[in-house]
Amino acid sequence: MVDQPATESRKRVTLALTGASGVQYGLRLLDCLLQAQCQVDLLISKAAHLVIATETPYKLPAQPAKLAEALAGIYPHAPDQLNVYAREDWFAPPASGSGAASSMVVCPCSGGTLSALARGASDNLIERAGDVALKERRQLILVVREMPLHQVHLENMLKLSQMGATIMPASPGFYHHPDSVEAMIDFVVARVLDHLGLPQALVPRWGVDPD
């Protein structure tokens, strides 16, 4: 038996950040995926860049190579762990069923992205990658961040759930007695990691003594 290269043995995840408030969830998830030695295909929408600049101390460049360099300074990782793609890079692996990762997470997922995925739009790489995940019957987790929800939001979530997506609203729990915003963010990220089948020690499991 021939040993597989390390990059092929890693779990590979497509992570998309869209323009909803709560981009901290996506950035923390990126940090955790890289710490877990995952290979990450990262997609960031134009609106998400604006939210990052508004809600965090970071002003990240849009150009993929410069963005990858900036993220390496924030979240240390192996050189081959993180691949950053432009919004209309139709030759990127996530754009094809033969190249996409087996799991995709949209975190946070805006109402606009939710709508585009529900109607099968592919106007940018994030929408196309989500469409590929649905058509290939692969794992698609949507961390929806919107409130209140109107009828169309609810109908889109139901439709996508029926198509196989996991709808995971960014709704932190409080039974672990969070003492900071970061602890509430970690609660949501921990649930995403659970669904990805990745070990996490961010939040104690229900019924398990944290000590």
N, C-alpha and C. Protein backbone atom coordinates (compact mmCIF):
# COMPACT_ATOMS: atom_id res chain seq x y z
N MET A 1 0.85 -1.19 0.00
CA MET A 1 0.00 0.00 0.00
C MET A 1 0.88 1.24 0.00
N VAL A 2 0.54 2.20 -0.86
CA VAL A 2 1.32 3.43 -0.95
C VAL A 2 0.77 4.43 0.05
N ASP A 3 1.66 5.02 0.83
CA ASP A 3 1.23 6.02 1.81
C ASP A 3 0.71 7.25 1.09
N GLN A 4 -0.42 7.78 1.58
CA GLN A 4 -0.98 8.99 0.99
C GLN A 4 -0.23 10.20 1.50
N PRO A 5 -0.09 11.24 0.66
CA PRO A 5 0.49 12.48 1.15
C PRO A 5 -0.35 13.05 2.27
N ALA A 6 0.29 13.81 3.16
CA ALA A 6 -0.41 14.36 4.32
C ALA A 6 -1.61 15.19 3.92
N THR A 7 -1.51 15.93 2.80
CA THR A 7 -2.60 16.80 2.38
C THR A 7 -3.83 16.01 2.00
N GLU A 8 -3.68 14.78 1.54
CA GLU A 8 -4.82 13.96 1.14
C GLU A 8 -5.49 13.31 2.33
N SER A 9 -4.78 13.17 3.46
CA SER A 9 -5.35 12.54 4.63
C SER A 9 -6.10 13.54 5.50
N ARG A 10 -5.91 14.82 5.25
CA ARG A 10 -6.61 15.84 6.02
C ARG A 10 -8.07 15.95 5.58
N LYS A 11 -8.92 16.33 6.52
CA LYS A 11 -10.29 16.66 6.15
C LYS A 11 -10.25 17.98 5.40
N ARG A 12 -11.00 18.06 4.33
CA ARG A 12 -11.04 19.27 3.51
C ARG A 12 -12.42 19.89 3.61
N VAL A 13 -12.46 21.20 3.85
CA VAL A 13 -13.71 21.91 4.06
C VAL A 13 -13.71 23.17 3.22
N THR A 14 -14.81 23.42 2.53
CA THR A 14 -15.01 24.72 1.89
C THR A 14 -15.73 25.61 2.89
N LEU A 15 -15.13 26.75 3.20
CA LEU A 15 -15.71 27.69 4.16
C LEU A 15 -16.01 29.00 3.45
N ALA A 16 -17.27 29.42 3.50
CA ALA A 16 -17.69 30.68 2.87
C ALA A 16 -18.18 31.64 3.94
N LEU A 17 -17.71 32.88 3.86
CA LEU A 17 -18.19 33.95 4.73
C LEU A 17 -18.98 34.92 3.87
N THR A 18 -20.24 35.16 4.26
CA THR A 18 -21.07 36.09 3.49
C THR A 18 -21.43 37.30 4.36
N GLY A 19 -22.21 38.22 3.79
CA GLY A 19 -22.35 39.53 4.37
C GLY A 19 -23.39 39.70 5.46
N ALA A 20 -23.52 38.74 6.35
CA ALA A 20 -24.39 38.90 7.51
C ALA A 20 -23.57 39.35 8.70
N SER A 21 -24.21 40.02 9.63
CA SER A 21 -23.54 40.33 10.89
C SER A 21 -23.17 39.02 11.58
N GLY A 22 -22.09 39.06 12.36
CA GLY A 22 -21.65 37.84 13.02
C GLY A 22 -20.51 37.15 12.29
N VAL A 23 -19.71 37.94 11.57
CA VAL A 23 -18.59 37.35 10.84
C VAL A 23 -17.57 36.72 11.79
N GLN A 24 -17.65 37.09 13.07
CA GLN A 24 -16.75 36.49 14.06
C GLN A 24 -16.93 34.97 14.13
N TYR A 25 -18.14 34.50 13.89
CA TYR A 25 -18.36 33.05 13.87
C TYR A 25 -17.51 32.40 12.78
N GLY A 26 -17.52 33.00 11.59
CA GLY A 26 -16.76 32.42 10.49
C GLY A 26 -15.27 32.48 10.70
N LEU A 27 -14.78 33.60 11.23
CA LEU A 27 -13.35 33.73 11.47
C LEU A 27 -12.88 32.78 12.57
N ARG A 28 -13.68 32.61 13.60
CA ARG A 28 -13.32 31.66 14.66
C ARG A 28 -13.34 30.23 14.13
N LEU A 29 -14.31 29.93 13.27
CA LEU A 29 -14.36 28.60 12.67
C LEU A 29 -13.14 28.37 11.80
N LEU A 30 -12.74 29.37 11.03
CA LEU A 30 -11.52 29.25 10.22
C LEU A 30 -10.33 28.92 11.11
N ASP A 31 -10.18 29.63 12.21
CA ASP A 31 -9.10 29.40 13.15
C ASP A 31 -9.12 27.96 13.65
N CYS A 32 -10.29 27.47 14.04
CA CYS A 32 -10.40 26.11 14.57
C CYS A 32 -10.13 25.05 13.51
N LEU A 33 -10.59 25.28 12.29
CA LEU A 33 -10.34 24.32 11.21
C LEU A 33 -8.84 24.21 10.92
N LEU A 34 -8.16 25.34 10.92
CA LEU A 34 -6.71 25.32 10.67
C LEU A 34 -5.98 24.66 11.84
N GLN A 35 -6.43 24.93 13.07
CA GLN A 35 -5.81 24.27 14.23
C GLN A 35 -6.02 22.76 14.19
N ALA A 36 -7.15 22.33 13.60
CA ALA A 36 -7.46 20.90 13.49
C ALA A 36 -6.75 20.25 12.30
N GLN A 37 -5.86 21.02 11.65
CA GLN A 37 -5.08 20.53 10.51
C GLN A 37 -5.93 20.24 9.28
N CYS A 38 -7.11 20.88 9.19
CA CYS A 38 -7.94 20.72 8.00
C CYS A 38 -7.35 21.52 6.85
N GLN A 39 -7.71 21.10 5.66
CA GLN A 39 -7.40 21.86 4.46
C GLN A 39 -8.65 22.69 4.15
N VAL A 40 -8.48 24.00 4.01
CA VAL A 40 -9.63 24.89 3.89
C VAL A 40 -9.60 25.63 2.55
N ASP A 41 -10.71 25.54 1.82
CA ASP A 41 -10.93 26.37 0.64
C ASP A 41 -11.80 27.54 1.09
N LEU A 42 -11.24 28.74 1.11
CA LEU A 42 -11.91 29.88 1.71
C LEU A 42 -12.48 30.81 0.64
N LEU A 43 -13.77 31.18 0.83
CA LEU A 43 -14.47 32.08 -0.08
C LEU A 43 -15.06 33.20 0.77
N ILE A 44 -14.77 34.46 0.44
CA ILE A 44 -15.28 35.59 1.20
C ILE A 44 -15.98 36.54 0.23
N SER A 45 -17.24 36.84 0.51
CA SER A 45 -18.00 37.71 -0.38
C SER A 45 -17.57 39.16 -0.19
N LYS A 46 -17.94 39.99 -1.15
CA LYS A 46 -17.63 41.42 -1.07
C LYS A 46 -18.28 42.04 0.16
N ALA A 47 -19.53 41.67 0.42
CA ALA A 47 -20.22 42.20 1.60
C ALA A 47 -19.56 41.73 2.89
N ALA A 48 -19.05 40.49 2.89
CA ALA A 48 -18.38 39.98 4.10
C ALA A 48 -17.13 40.79 4.42
N HIS A 49 -16.42 41.25 3.37
CA HIS A 49 -15.25 42.10 3.62
C HIS A 49 -15.66 43.38 4.34
N LEU A 50 -16.81 43.94 3.96
CA LEU A 50 -17.30 45.15 4.63
C LEU A 50 -17.67 44.87 6.08
N VAL A 51 -18.29 43.72 6.32
CA VAL A 51 -18.67 43.36 7.68
C VAL A 51 -17.42 43.13 8.53
N ILE A 52 -16.42 42.47 7.97
CA ILE A 52 -15.17 42.24 8.71
C ILE A 52 -14.55 43.57 9.13
N ALA A 53 -14.54 44.53 8.22
CA ALA A 53 -13.97 45.84 8.53
C ALA A 53 -14.78 46.58 9.58
N THR A 54 -16.09 46.29 9.64
CA THR A 54 -16.99 46.97 10.59
C THR A 54 -16.98 46.32 11.96
N GLU A 55 -16.96 44.98 12.00
CA GLU A 55 -17.15 44.26 13.26
C GLU A 55 -15.86 43.75 13.90
N THR A 56 -14.75 43.82 13.21
CA THR A 56 -13.49 43.31 13.75
C THR A 56 -12.39 44.35 13.56
N PRO A 57 -11.22 44.13 14.15
CA PRO A 57 -10.10 45.06 13.96
C PRO A 57 -9.43 44.91 12.60
N TYR A 58 -9.86 43.92 11.81
CA TYR A 58 -9.16 43.60 10.57
C TYR A 58 -9.75 44.31 9.36
N LYS A 59 -8.87 44.74 8.47
CA LYS A 59 -9.27 45.24 7.16
C LYS A 59 -8.50 44.39 6.15
N LEU A 60 -9.15 43.31 5.73
CA LEU A 60 -8.47 42.31 4.92
C LEU A 60 -8.51 42.67 3.44
N PRO A 61 -7.42 42.45 2.72
CA PRO A 61 -7.41 42.73 1.28
C PRO A 61 -8.30 41.76 0.53
N ALA A 62 -8.81 42.20 -0.61
CA ALA A 62 -9.72 41.36 -1.40
C ALA A 62 -8.96 40.42 -2.33
N GLN A 63 -7.78 40.82 -2.78
CA GLN A 63 -7.02 40.01 -3.73
C GLN A 63 -6.59 38.71 -3.04
N PRO A 64 -6.89 37.53 -3.64
CA PRO A 64 -6.70 36.26 -2.95
C PRO A 64 -5.30 36.03 -2.38
N ALA A 65 -4.25 36.31 -3.15
CA ALA A 65 -2.89 36.06 -2.67
C ALA A 65 -2.58 36.94 -1.46
N LYS A 66 -2.97 38.21 -1.52
CA LYS A 66 -2.73 39.12 -0.40
C LYS A 66 -3.59 38.75 0.80
N LEU A 67 -4.81 38.29 0.53
CA LEU A 67 -5.69 37.86 1.62
C LEU A 67 -5.10 36.65 2.32
N ALA A 68 -4.62 35.69 1.56
CA ALA A 68 -4.00 34.50 2.16
C ALA A 68 -2.80 34.88 3.02
N GLU A 69 -2.01 35.83 2.53
CA GLU A 69 -0.85 36.29 3.29
C GLU A 69 -1.27 36.97 4.59
N ALA A 70 -2.31 37.80 4.52
CA ALA A 70 -2.80 38.49 5.71
C ALA A 70 -3.34 37.49 6.73
N LEU A 71 -4.08 36.49 6.28
CA LEU A 71 -4.65 35.50 7.19
C LEU A 71 -3.57 34.64 7.83
N ALA A 72 -2.49 34.40 7.10
CA ALA A 72 -1.38 33.62 7.67
C ALA A 72 -0.75 34.35 8.85
N GLY A 73 -0.80 35.68 8.82
CA GLY A 73 -0.29 36.45 9.94
C GLY A 73 -1.21 36.45 11.14
N ILE A 74 -2.50 36.16 10.92
CA ILE A 74 -3.48 36.14 12.01
C ILE A 74 -3.66 34.72 12.55
N TYR A 75 -3.75 33.76 11.65
CA TYR A 75 -3.98 32.36 12.03
C TYR A 75 -2.85 31.51 11.47
N PRO A 76 -1.80 31.28 12.24
CA PRO A 76 -0.66 30.49 11.74
C PRO A 76 -1.10 29.10 11.29
N HIS A 77 -0.58 28.65 10.17
CA HIS A 77 -0.94 27.34 9.65
C HIS A 77 0.12 26.89 8.65
N ALA A 78 0.06 25.62 8.29
CA ALA A 78 0.98 25.09 7.28
C ALA A 78 0.71 25.76 5.94
N PRO A 79 1.75 25.92 5.11
CA PRO A 79 1.58 26.66 3.84
C PRO A 79 0.52 26.09 2.92
N ASP A 80 0.31 24.77 2.96
CA ASP A 80 -0.63 24.15 2.01
C ASP A 80 -2.02 23.94 2.62
N GLN A 81 -2.29 24.51 3.79
CA GLN A 81 -3.58 24.28 4.44
C GLN A 81 -4.70 25.16 3.93
N LEU A 82 -4.37 26.38 3.54
CA LEU A 82 -5.40 27.36 3.21
C LEU A 82 -5.30 27.79 1.75
N ASN A 83 -6.40 27.64 1.03
CA ASN A 83 -6.51 28.12 -0.34
C ASN A 83 -7.62 29.17 -0.40
N VAL A 84 -7.28 30.35 -0.90
CA VAL A 84 -8.25 31.45 -0.96
C VAL A 84 -8.59 31.70 -2.43
N TYR A 85 -9.88 31.81 -2.73
CA TYR A 85 -10.31 31.96 -4.12
C TYR A 85 -11.12 33.24 -4.31
N ALA A 86 -10.99 33.81 -5.49
CA ALA A 86 -11.72 35.03 -5.83
C ALA A 86 -13.20 34.73 -6.05
N ARG A 87 -14.02 35.76 -5.99
CA ARG A 87 -15.47 35.58 -6.06
C ARG A 87 -15.96 35.02 -7.39
N GLU A 88 -15.18 35.21 -8.45
CA GLU A 88 -15.61 34.70 -9.76
C GLU A 88 -14.54 33.80 -10.38
N ASP A 89 -13.86 33.04 -9.53
CA ASP A 89 -12.85 32.09 -10.01
C ASP A 89 -13.55 30.77 -10.35
N TRP A 90 -14.04 30.69 -11.57
CA TRP A 90 -14.83 29.52 -11.98
C TRP A 90 -13.97 28.28 -12.18
N PHE A 91 -12.65 28.43 -12.13
CA PHE A 91 -11.76 27.27 -12.24
C PHE A 91 -11.31 26.76 -10.88
N ALA A 92 -11.82 27.35 -9.81
CA ALA A 92 -11.50 26.89 -8.46
C ALA A 92 -12.17 25.54 -8.20
N PRO A 93 -11.54 24.64 -7.42
CA PRO A 93 -12.13 23.32 -7.14
C PRO A 93 -13.57 23.36 -6.62
N PRO A 94 -13.96 24.32 -5.75
CA PRO A 94 -15.34 24.30 -5.26
C PRO A 94 -16.40 24.51 -6.33
N ALA A 95 -15.99 24.94 -7.54
CA ALA A 95 -16.95 25.20 -8.60
C ALA A 95 -17.38 23.95 -9.34
N SER A 96 -16.78 22.80 -9.02
CA SER A 96 -17.09 21.58 -9.76
C SER A 96 -17.29 20.41 -8.82
N GLY A 97 -18.23 19.55 -9.18
CA GLY A 97 -18.46 18.35 -8.39
C GLY A 97 -17.26 17.43 -8.34
N SER A 98 -16.38 17.50 -9.34
CA SER A 98 -15.20 16.65 -9.34
C SER A 98 -14.05 17.22 -8.53
N GLY A 99 -14.21 18.47 -8.06
CA GLY A 99 -13.11 19.09 -7.32
C GLY A 99 -13.48 19.57 -5.94
N ALA A 100 -14.77 19.71 -5.66
CA ALA A 100 -15.21 20.31 -4.40
C ALA A 100 -14.94 19.39 -3.21
N ALA A 101 -14.79 20.01 -2.04
CA ALA A 101 -14.63 19.26 -0.80
C ALA A 101 -15.92 18.53 -0.46
N SER A 102 -15.82 17.53 0.42
CA SER A 102 -17.01 16.76 0.79
C SER A 102 -17.90 17.53 1.77
N SER A 103 -17.37 18.58 2.38
CA SER A 103 -18.15 19.39 3.33
C SER A 103 -18.01 20.87 2.99
N MET A 104 -19.11 21.61 3.12
CA MET A 104 -19.09 23.05 2.95
C MET A 104 -19.87 23.69 4.07
N VAL A 105 -19.35 24.81 4.58
CA VAL A 105 -20.02 25.59 5.62
C VAL A 105 -20.12 27.03 5.16
N VAL A 106 -21.31 27.61 5.24
CA VAL A 106 -21.48 29.04 4.98
C VAL A 106 -21.72 29.68 6.35
N CYS A 107 -20.76 30.47 6.81
CA CYS A 107 -20.77 30.96 8.19
C CYS A 107 -20.14 32.34 8.28
N PRO A 108 -20.92 33.39 8.47
CA PRO A 108 -22.38 33.39 8.58
C PRO A 108 -23.03 33.33 7.21
N CYS A 109 -24.27 32.88 7.19
CA CYS A 109 -25.03 32.80 5.94
C CYS A 109 -26.07 33.91 5.93
N SER A 110 -25.95 34.82 4.99
CA SER A 110 -26.89 35.94 4.88
C SER A 110 -28.21 35.48 4.27
N GLY A 111 -29.24 36.32 4.43
CA GLY A 111 -30.52 36.02 3.80
C GLY A 111 -30.43 35.99 2.30
N GLY A 112 -29.57 36.83 1.73
CA GLY A 112 -29.38 36.84 0.28
C GLY A 112 -28.76 35.56 -0.23
N THR A 113 -27.75 35.06 0.48
CA THR A 113 -27.13 33.79 0.08
C THR A 113 -28.10 32.64 0.26
N LEU A 114 -28.87 32.67 1.34
CA LEU A 114 -29.90 31.66 1.57
C LEU A 114 -30.87 31.61 0.39
N SER A 115 -31.31 32.78 -0.07
CA SER A 115 -32.24 32.86 -1.18
C SER A 115 -31.61 32.34 -2.47
N ALA A 116 -30.35 32.73 -2.72
CA ALA A 116 -29.68 32.29 -3.95
C ALA A 116 -29.53 30.77 -3.99
N LEU A 117 -29.17 30.18 -2.86
CA LEU A 117 -29.01 28.72 -2.81
C LEU A 117 -30.35 28.01 -2.99
N ALA A 118 -31.41 28.58 -2.42
CA ALA A 118 -32.72 27.95 -2.52
C ALA A 118 -33.25 27.94 -3.95
N ARG A 119 -32.86 28.94 -4.75
CA ARG A 119 -33.37 29.00 -6.12
C ARG A 119 -32.34 28.52 -7.15
N GLY A 120 -31.20 27.99 -6.68
CA GLY A 120 -30.23 27.41 -7.58
C GLY A 120 -29.41 28.41 -8.35
N ALA A 121 -29.24 29.62 -7.83
CA ALA A 121 -28.44 30.64 -8.51
C ALA A 121 -26.96 30.29 -8.39
N SER A 122 -26.19 30.72 -9.37
CA SER A 122 -24.74 30.52 -9.34
C SER A 122 -24.05 31.76 -9.90
N ASP A 123 -24.37 32.90 -9.30
CA ASP A 123 -23.86 34.17 -9.82
C ASP A 123 -22.47 34.51 -9.30
N ASN A 124 -21.98 33.75 -8.33
CA ASN A 124 -20.61 33.93 -7.84
C ASN A 124 -20.13 32.58 -7.33
N LEU A 125 -18.87 32.51 -6.91
CA LEU A 125 -18.30 31.22 -6.54
C LEU A 125 -18.95 30.64 -5.29
N ILE A 126 -19.35 31.48 -4.34
CA ILE A 126 -20.01 30.97 -3.14
C ILE A 126 -21.32 30.27 -3.51
N GLU A 127 -22.12 30.93 -4.34
CA GLU A 127 -23.39 30.34 -4.75
C GLU A 127 -23.17 29.06 -5.56
N ARG A 128 -22.19 29.09 -6.44
CA ARG A 128 -21.90 27.90 -7.25
C ARG A 128 -21.41 26.75 -6.37
N ALA A 129 -20.55 27.06 -5.39
CA ALA A 129 -20.04 26.01 -4.50
C ALA A 129 -21.18 25.39 -3.70
N GLY A 130 -22.12 26.22 -3.23
CA GLY A 130 -23.27 25.69 -2.51
C GLY A 130 -24.15 24.85 -3.40
N ASP A 131 -24.32 25.29 -4.64
CA ASP A 131 -25.12 24.54 -5.61
C ASP A 131 -24.49 23.18 -5.89
N VAL A 132 -23.16 23.17 -5.99
CA VAL A 132 -22.44 21.91 -6.20
C VAL A 132 -22.65 20.97 -5.01
N ALA A 133 -22.54 21.50 -3.80
CA ALA A 133 -22.74 20.67 -2.61
C ALA A 133 -24.13 20.04 -2.61
N LEU A 134 -25.14 20.81 -3.00
CA LEU A 134 -26.51 20.29 -3.03
C LEU A 134 -26.69 19.24 -4.11
N LYS A 135 -26.19 19.54 -5.31
CA LYS A 135 -26.42 18.60 -6.41
C LYS A 135 -25.64 17.30 -6.24
N GLU A 136 -24.49 17.39 -5.55
CA GLU A 136 -23.67 16.20 -5.32
C GLU A 136 -24.06 15.46 -4.04
N ARG A 137 -25.09 15.97 -3.35
CA ARG A 137 -25.56 15.39 -2.10
C ARG A 137 -24.43 15.34 -1.06
N ARG A 138 -23.67 16.45 -0.98
CA ARG A 138 -22.60 16.55 0.00
C ARG A 138 -23.04 17.39 1.18
N GLN A 139 -22.27 17.34 2.25
CA GLN A 139 -22.63 18.07 3.45
C GLN A 139 -22.58 19.58 3.21
N LEU A 140 -23.68 20.26 3.53
CA LEU A 140 -23.76 21.72 3.43
C LEU A 140 -24.38 22.24 4.71
N ILE A 141 -23.61 23.01 5.48
CA ILE A 141 -24.07 23.59 6.73
C ILE A 141 -24.24 25.08 6.55
N LEU A 142 -25.41 25.59 6.86
CA LEU A 142 -25.71 27.01 6.69
C LEU A 142 -25.93 27.63 8.07
N VAL A 143 -24.99 28.46 8.50
CA VAL A 143 -25.10 29.13 9.80
C VAL A 143 -25.81 30.46 9.56
N VAL A 144 -27.13 30.38 9.58
CA VAL A 144 -27.96 31.54 9.24
C VAL A 144 -27.90 32.58 10.36
N ARG A 145 -27.70 33.84 9.97
CA ARG A 145 -27.61 34.92 10.97
C ARG A 145 -28.52 36.06 10.50
N GLU A 146 -29.76 35.97 10.95
CA GLU A 146 -30.75 36.99 10.59
C GLU A 146 -31.85 36.97 11.64
N MET A 147 -32.41 38.12 11.94
CA MET A 147 -33.56 38.20 12.83
C MET A 147 -34.22 39.57 12.70
N PRO A 148 -35.54 39.61 12.79
CA PRO A 148 -36.45 38.46 12.76
C PRO A 148 -36.48 37.83 11.38
N LEU A 149 -37.15 36.70 11.28
CA LEU A 149 -37.25 35.98 10.02
C LEU A 149 -38.64 36.18 9.43
N HIS A 150 -38.70 36.51 8.13
CA HIS A 150 -40.01 36.59 7.50
C HIS A 150 -40.31 35.30 6.73
N GLN A 151 -41.45 35.27 6.09
CA GLN A 151 -41.92 34.03 5.48
C GLN A 151 -40.96 33.48 4.44
N VAL A 152 -40.37 34.36 3.62
CA VAL A 152 -39.46 33.87 2.58
C VAL A 152 -38.21 33.24 3.18
N HIS A 153 -37.66 33.86 4.25
CA HIS A 153 -36.52 33.24 4.93
C HIS A 153 -36.87 31.82 5.38
N LEU A 154 -38.02 31.71 6.04
CA LEU A 154 -38.44 30.41 6.58
C LEU A 154 -38.68 29.39 5.47
N GLU A 155 -39.32 29.84 4.38
CA GLU A 155 -39.56 28.94 3.25
C GLU A 155 -38.25 28.49 2.62
N ASN A 156 -37.28 29.41 2.50
CA ASN A 156 -35.99 29.05 1.92
C ASN A 156 -35.25 28.05 2.81
N MET A 157 -35.32 28.25 4.12
CA MET A 157 -34.66 27.31 5.02
C MET A 157 -35.31 25.93 4.94
N LEU A 158 -36.64 25.89 4.90
CA LEU A 158 -37.33 24.61 4.76
C LEU A 158 -36.95 23.92 3.45
N LYS A 159 -36.93 24.69 2.38
CA LYS A 159 -36.60 24.12 1.07
C LYS A 159 -35.18 23.54 1.06
N LEU A 160 -34.24 24.29 1.61
CA LEU A 160 -32.86 23.83 1.63
C LEU A 160 -32.69 22.63 2.56
N SER A 161 -33.42 22.62 3.68
CA SER A 161 -33.37 21.46 4.57
C SER A 161 -33.88 20.22 3.85
N GLN A 162 -34.95 20.37 3.10
CA GLN A 162 -35.50 19.24 2.34
C GLN A 162 -34.56 18.77 1.25
N MET A 163 -33.67 19.67 0.79
CA MET A 163 -32.68 19.32 -0.23
C MET A 163 -31.42 18.70 0.37
N GLY A 164 -31.34 18.67 1.71
CA GLY A 164 -30.21 17.99 2.35
C GLY A 164 -29.28 18.89 3.15
N ALA A 165 -29.48 20.20 3.09
CA ALA A 165 -28.62 21.10 3.85
C ALA A 165 -28.98 21.05 5.34
N THR A 166 -28.01 21.34 6.18
CA THR A 166 -28.24 21.47 7.61
C THR A 166 -28.36 22.95 7.94
N ILE A 167 -29.51 23.34 8.47
CA ILE A 167 -29.74 24.73 8.84
C ILE A 167 -29.37 24.89 10.31
N MET A 168 -28.35 25.68 10.58
CA MET A 168 -27.82 25.81 11.93
C MET A 168 -27.75 27.29 12.30
N PRO A 169 -28.87 27.88 12.75
CA PRO A 169 -28.85 29.30 13.10
C PRO A 169 -27.81 29.61 14.17
N ALA A 170 -27.25 30.78 14.10
CA ALA A 170 -26.25 31.20 15.10
C ALA A 170 -26.97 31.56 16.38
N SER A 171 -27.32 30.54 17.15
CA SER A 171 -28.09 30.72 18.39
C SER A 171 -27.31 30.11 19.55
N PRO A 172 -26.49 30.91 20.21
CA PRO A 172 -25.68 30.36 21.32
C PRO A 172 -26.55 29.85 22.45
N GLY A 173 -26.10 28.77 23.09
CA GLY A 173 -26.72 28.29 24.30
C GLY A 173 -26.09 28.97 25.51
N PHE A 174 -26.71 28.78 26.67
CA PHE A 174 -26.21 29.44 27.88
C PHE A 174 -26.01 28.49 29.04
N TYR A 175 -26.24 27.18 28.81
CA TYR A 175 -26.09 26.24 29.92
C TYR A 175 -24.64 26.06 30.35
N HIS A 176 -23.70 26.49 29.52
CA HIS A 176 -22.29 26.42 29.92
C HIS A 176 -21.82 27.71 30.61
N HIS A 177 -22.77 28.60 30.89
CA HIS A 177 -22.49 29.85 31.62
C HIS A 177 -21.39 30.67 30.95
N PRO A 178 -21.61 31.11 29.72
CA PRO A 178 -20.59 31.91 29.03
C PRO A 178 -20.33 33.22 29.77
N ASP A 179 -19.07 33.58 29.87
CA ASP A 179 -18.71 34.81 30.57
C ASP A 179 -18.13 35.87 29.64
N SER A 180 -18.28 35.63 28.32
CA SER A 180 -17.75 36.59 27.36
C SER A 180 -18.43 36.38 26.01
N VAL A 181 -18.29 37.37 25.14
CA VAL A 181 -18.79 37.23 23.76
C VAL A 181 -18.08 36.07 23.08
N GLU A 182 -16.78 35.94 23.34
CA GLU A 182 -16.00 34.86 22.72
C GLU A 182 -16.55 33.49 23.10
N ALA A 183 -16.99 33.34 24.34
CA ALA A 183 -17.55 32.05 24.78
C ALA A 183 -18.85 31.73 24.05
N MET A 184 -19.65 32.75 23.76
CA MET A 184 -20.89 32.53 23.01
C MET A 184 -20.59 32.19 21.56
N ILE A 185 -19.58 32.83 20.99
CA ILE A 185 -19.15 32.49 19.63
C ILE A 185 -18.68 31.04 19.59
N ASP A 186 -17.89 30.65 20.59
CA ASP A 186 -17.35 29.29 20.62
C ASP A 186 -18.45 28.24 20.71
N PHE A 187 -19.58 28.57 21.36
CA PHE A 187 -20.67 27.61 21.45
C PHE A 187 -21.17 27.24 20.05
N VAL A 188 -21.40 28.25 19.22
CA VAL A 188 -21.90 28.00 17.86
C VAL A 188 -20.85 27.27 17.03
N VAL A 189 -19.60 27.71 17.13
CA VAL A 189 -18.52 27.08 16.36
C VAL A 189 -18.35 25.63 16.78
N ALA A 190 -18.48 25.36 18.07
CA ALA A 190 -18.35 23.98 18.55
C ALA A 190 -19.41 23.08 17.93
N ARG A 191 -20.63 23.58 17.78
CA ARG A 191 -21.69 22.77 17.18
C ARG A 191 -21.40 22.49 15.71
N VAL A 192 -20.83 23.47 15.02
CA VAL A 192 -20.45 23.25 13.62
C VAL A 192 -19.36 22.19 13.54
N LEU A 193 -18.36 22.27 14.41
CA LEU A 193 -17.29 21.28 14.42
C LEU A 193 -17.84 19.88 14.71
N ASP A 194 -18.81 19.80 15.61
CA ASP A 194 -19.45 18.51 15.89
C ASP A 194 -20.05 17.92 14.62
N HIS A 195 -20.76 18.75 13.86
CA HIS A 195 -21.41 18.26 12.65
C HIS A 195 -20.40 17.91 11.56
N LEU A 196 -19.25 18.53 11.60
CA LEU A 196 -18.19 18.19 10.65
C LEU A 196 -17.42 16.94 11.06
N GLY A 197 -17.73 16.42 12.24
CA GLY A 197 -17.04 15.23 12.73
C GLY A 197 -15.65 15.52 13.24
N LEU A 198 -15.40 16.74 13.68
CA LEU A 198 -14.08 17.13 14.17
C LEU A 198 -14.11 17.26 15.69
N PRO A 199 -13.06 16.81 16.37
CA PRO A 199 -13.02 16.94 17.82
C PRO A 199 -12.95 18.40 18.23
N GLN A 200 -13.58 18.73 19.35
CA GLN A 200 -13.53 20.11 19.84
C GLN A 200 -13.58 20.10 21.37
N ALA A 201 -12.87 21.06 21.94
CA ALA A 201 -12.87 21.22 23.39
C ALA A 201 -13.30 22.64 23.75
N LEU A 202 -14.03 23.28 22.85
CA LEU A 202 -14.46 24.66 23.09
C LEU A 202 -15.55 24.75 24.14
N VAL A 203 -16.47 23.77 24.12
CA VAL A 203 -17.63 23.79 25.01
C VAL A 203 -17.84 22.38 25.55
N PRO A 204 -18.03 22.22 26.85
CA PRO A 204 -18.31 20.88 27.39
C PRO A 204 -19.61 20.32 26.84
N ARG A 205 -19.63 19.03 26.62
CA ARG A 205 -20.84 18.40 26.11
C ARG A 205 -21.89 18.29 27.22
N TRP A 206 -23.14 18.33 26.83
CA TRP A 206 -24.25 18.26 27.79
C TRP A 206 -24.15 16.96 28.58
N GLY A 207 -24.24 17.07 29.90
CA GLY A 207 -24.20 15.89 30.76
C GLY A 207 -22.81 15.38 31.06
N VAL A 208 -21.78 16.06 30.55
CA VAL A 208 -20.40 15.64 30.78
C VAL A 208 -19.73 16.65 31.70
N ASP A 209 -19.12 16.16 32.77
CA ASP A 209 -18.42 17.06 33.70
C ASP A 209 -17.21 17.65 33.01
N PRO A 210 -17.11 18.99 32.89
CA PRO A 210 -15.97 19.59 32.20
C PRO A 210 -14.64 19.31 32.87
N ASP A 211 -14.65 18.89 34.14
CA ASP A 211 -13.41 18.55 34.85
C ASP A 211 -13.02 17.11 34.67
